[in-house]
Amino acid sequence: MDPCAFVNFISLLACEIAKDKTPEEIGILSAFFTQLGDTLATLALFKDN
């Protein structure tokens, strides 16, 4: 996938997820997806070992 298309897709997805959510809900979702991404990155590092 083209990197710019990927960035645009992620931005569109974020806007759709945030629709009709309170700032607090958006913050919680942000923390959730950050934790998910960090955990996946950690697992990927140890997967090769």
Protein backbone atom coordinates (compact mmCIF):
# COMPACT_ATOMS: atom_id res chain seq x y z
CA MET A 1 0.00 0.00 0.00
CA ASP A 2 1.17 3.53 -0.75
CA PRO A 3 2.38 5.16 2.51
CA CYS A 4 0.36 8.33 1.89
CA ALA A 5 -2.78 6.30 1.19
CA PHE A 6 -2.19 4.40 4.42
CA VAL A 7 -1.86 7.65 6.42
CA ASN A 8 -5.05 8.99 4.82
CA PHE A 9 -6.88 5.74 5.62
CA ILE A 10 -5.79 5.87 9.28
CA SER A 11 -6.88 9.52 9.56
CA LEU A 12 -10.27 8.74 8.04
CA LEU A 13 -10.69 5.78 10.37
CA ALA A 14 -9.82 7.93 13.40
CA CYS A 15 -12.40 10.52 12.36
CA GLU A 16 -15.07 7.85 11.96
CA ILE A 17 -14.27 6.25 15.32
CA ALA A 18 -14.34 9.67 17.05
CA LYS A 19 -17.74 10.59 15.63
CA ASP A 20 -20.35 11.08 18.36
CA LYS A 21 -17.81 10.37 21.13
CA THR A 22 -17.07 12.64 24.05
CA PRO A 23 -13.53 14.00 24.52
CA GLU A 24 -13.15 11.58 27.44
CA GLU A 25 -14.18 8.60 25.29
CA ILE A 26 -11.76 9.67 22.56
CA GLY A 27 -8.98 9.90 25.15
CA ILE A 28 -9.74 6.40 26.42
CA LEU A 29 -9.76 5.02 22.88
CA SER A 30 -6.47 6.77 22.18
CA ALA A 31 -4.87 5.20 25.26
CA PHE A 32 -6.28 1.80 24.30
CA PHE A 33 -4.92 1.89 20.76
CA THR A 34 -1.56 3.25 21.94
CA GLN A 35 -1.24 0.38 24.41
CA LEU A 36 -2.32 -2.11 21.74
CA GLY A 37 0.27 -0.79 19.28
CA ASP A 38 3.05 -0.77 21.88
CA THR A 39 2.25 -4.32 22.95
CA LEU A 40 2.19 -5.56 19.36
CA ALA A 41 5.57 -3.90 18.73
CA THR A 42 7.01 -5.60 21.83
CA LEU A 43 5.64 -8.98 20.77
CA ALA A 44 7.10 -8.53 17.29
CA LEU A 45 10.55 -7.95 18.82
CA PHE A 46 10.41 -11.17 20.79
CA LYS A 47 8.74 -13.24 18.07
CA ASP A 48 12.08 -13.77 16.28
CA ASN A 49 13.86 -15.00 19.41
